[in-house]
């Protein structure tokens, strides 16, 4: 019987590629009660209308 070496979470994170890290990204959302896939945040340019003012509401 062989003994297994435990691998720390930080060591696992180091071995993960940037693409995998992005694909599995989650964030805690207390209003929904848990960890959910991170939604891309709109850039400042997307938050403006054609006149340069801020938009109201979500797209």
Protein backbone atom coordinates (compact mmCIF):
# COMPACT_ATOMS: atom_id res chain seq x y z
CA UNK A 1 0.00 0.00 0.00
CA UNK A 2 1.35 3.42 -0.95
CA UNK A 3 0.92 6.56 1.10
CA UNK A 4 -0.51 9.59 -0.61
CA UNK A 5 1.01 13.00 -0.09
CA UNK A 6 -1.54 15.72 0.53
CA UNK A 7 -1.37 18.66 -1.86
CA UNK A 8 -2.19 22.10 -0.51
CA UNK A 9 -4.73 24.32 -2.25
CA UNK A 10 -2.06 26.94 -2.95
CA UNK A 11 0.11 24.33 -4.71
CA UNK A 12 -2.84 23.26 -6.85
CA UNK A 13 -3.55 26.89 -7.75
CA UNK A 14 0.09 27.41 -8.82
CA UNK A 15 -0.13 24.50 -11.27
CA UNK A 16 -3.34 25.77 -12.86
CA UNK A 17 -2.99 27.60 -16.17
CA UNK A 18 -4.41 31.11 -16.64
CA UNK A 19 -7.09 29.77 -19.01
CA UNK A 20 -8.23 27.21 -16.43
CA UNK A 21 -8.20 29.80 -13.68
CA UNK A 22 -10.42 32.09 -15.76
CA UNK A 23 -12.78 29.27 -16.75
CA UNK A 24 -13.36 28.16 -13.15
CA UNK A 25 -13.55 31.60 -11.54
CA UNK A 26 -16.29 32.01 -8.94
CA UNK A 27 -17.31 34.79 -6.60
CA UNK A 28 -19.38 34.80 -3.44
CA UNK A 29 -22.78 36.41 -3.87
CA UNK A 30 -24.52 36.76 -0.50
CA UNK A 31 -27.81 37.83 -2.10
CA UNK A 32 -27.97 34.47 -3.88
CA UNK A 33 -26.53 32.53 -0.94
CA UNK A 34 -23.33 30.99 -2.29
CA UNK A 35 -20.50 30.82 -4.79
CA UNK A 36 -21.45 31.36 -8.43
CA UNK A 37 -19.60 31.78 -11.71
CA UNK A 38 -18.12 35.25 -12.00
CA UNK A 39 -19.92 37.43 -14.52
CA UNK A 40 -17.77 39.72 -16.65
CA UNK A 41 -17.93 43.30 -15.40
CA UNK A 42 -18.83 45.97 -17.97
CA UNK A 43 -16.05 48.37 -18.85
CA UNK A 44 -16.41 52.10 -18.29
CA UNK A 45 -16.93 52.64 -22.02
CA UNK A 46 -19.92 50.26 -22.12
CA UNK A 47 -21.57 52.18 -19.28
CA UNK A 48 -21.94 55.41 -21.28
CA UNK A 49 -24.42 56.43 -23.94
CA UNK A 50 -23.51 58.20 -27.20
CA UNK A 51 -23.60 61.65 -25.58
CA UNK A 52 -21.11 60.63 -22.88
CA UNK A 53 -23.65 60.48 -20.04
CA UNK A 54 -24.20 57.46 -17.84
CA UNK A 55 -26.86 54.94 -18.79
CA UNK A 56 -29.60 53.83 -16.46
CA UNK A 57 -30.52 50.18 -15.95
CA UNK A 58 -28.89 46.97 -17.03
CA UNK A 59 -28.52 45.64 -20.52
